[in-house]
Protein backbone atom coordinates (compact mmCIF):
# COMPACT_ATOMS: atom_id res chain seq x y z
CA MET A 1 122.04 164.82 142.42
CA ALA A 2 122.88 162.13 139.96
CA PHE A 3 123.99 162.49 136.35
CA HIS A 4 123.87 159.90 133.59
CA ASN A 5 124.11 159.69 129.81
CA SER A 6 121.02 158.31 128.08
CA GLY A 7 122.96 155.84 125.93
CA ASP A 8 125.80 154.97 128.30
CA PRO A 9 127.29 151.70 126.98
CA VAL A 10 129.02 150.90 130.31
CA ALA A 11 126.42 151.59 133.01
CA ALA A 12 122.70 151.14 132.41
CA LEU A 13 120.48 154.17 132.91
CA ALA A 14 117.91 151.90 134.58
CA ASN A 15 120.39 151.24 137.40
CA GLU A 16 120.83 154.96 138.05
CA LYS A 17 117.07 155.49 138.01
CA GLY A 18 116.71 152.66 140.53
CA TRP A 19 119.23 154.15 142.94
CA VAL A 20 117.72 157.64 142.75
CA GLY A 21 114.29 156.09 143.32
CA LYS A 22 115.66 154.18 146.28
CA VAL A 23 116.96 157.35 147.93
CA ASN A 24 113.53 158.92 147.39
CA LEU A 25 111.79 155.81 148.81
CA VAL A 26 110.18 155.06 145.44
CA SER A 27 111.98 151.81 144.66
CA ASN A 28 113.84 148.91 146.20
CA ALA A 29 117.02 149.03 144.09
CA ASP A 30 119.08 145.85 144.18
CA GLY A 31 117.17 144.61 147.23
CA TYR A 32 118.22 147.54 149.42
CA THR A 33 115.96 150.19 150.88
CA CYS A 34 116.62 153.48 152.64
CA SER A 35 115.13 154.00 156.10
CA GLN A 36 114.01 157.53 155.21
CA ALA A 37 113.81 159.66 152.10
CA GLY A 38 116.63 162.01 151.27
CA VAL A 39 116.10 165.71 151.94
CA PRO A 40 116.22 167.37 149.56
CA ALA A 41 114.98 164.65 147.22
CA ALA A 42 117.56 163.06 144.94
CA ARG A 43 117.37 164.26 141.35
CA LEU A 44 118.61 162.65 138.17
CA THR A 45 119.90 164.68 135.24
CA ILE A 46 120.02 162.68 132.01
CA TYR A 47 122.32 163.94 129.25
CA GLN A 48 121.53 162.98 125.66
CA SER A 49 124.77 161.17 124.83
CA ASN A 50 125.86 157.66 123.84
CA THR A 51 129.13 157.74 125.79
CA HIS A 52 130.09 156.84 129.34
CA GLU A 53 131.85 160.16 130.00
CA GLY A 54 129.50 162.77 131.46
CA TRP A 55 131.59 164.34 134.19
CA THR A 56 133.20 166.97 131.92
CA LEU A 57 129.80 168.57 131.28
CA THR A 58 128.63 168.08 134.87
CA TYR A 59 131.69 169.78 136.38
CA ASP A 60 132.02 172.52 133.77
CA THR A 61 131.50 175.75 135.72
CA ASN A 62 129.40 177.06 132.80
CA THR A 63 126.90 174.19 133.11
CA GLN A 64 123.91 175.11 135.23
CA ILE A 65 122.70 171.94 136.89
CA THR A 66 119.78 173.51 138.77
CA SER A 67 118.30 176.92 139.52
CA GLY A 68 121.08 178.79 137.71
CA VAL A 69 123.94 177.25 139.67
CA ASN A 70 126.79 174.97 138.65
CA ALA A 71 127.73 171.74 140.42
CA PHE A 72 130.26 173.39 142.71
CA GLN A 73 127.86 176.16 143.75
CA TRP A 74 125.16 173.57 144.42
CA LEU A 75 127.48 171.39 146.51
CA LEU A 76 128.62 174.35 148.60
CA SER A 77 125.04 175.55 149.15
CA ASN A 78 124.02 172.35 150.94
CA LYS A 79 124.81 171.21 154.44
CA LYS A 80 123.86 168.29 156.61
CA PRO A 81 120.73 169.08 158.66
């Protein structure tokens, strides 16, 4: 999971898209490649905001990041294969 603000003035959204694509074997971000795709596939959530700060929304326990779960629930539901 990756999270980014659409209008982040500090870090370009294109960079985040490149790294997520790299993990999913879709791109060659910054000249690096992964030897195998991530499982589950990396996902990018893009918030509509023109600030750099997105972690407050991401880590708010009321924010559902996927399938009705918050970031903490999602993290705890995954384990290394």
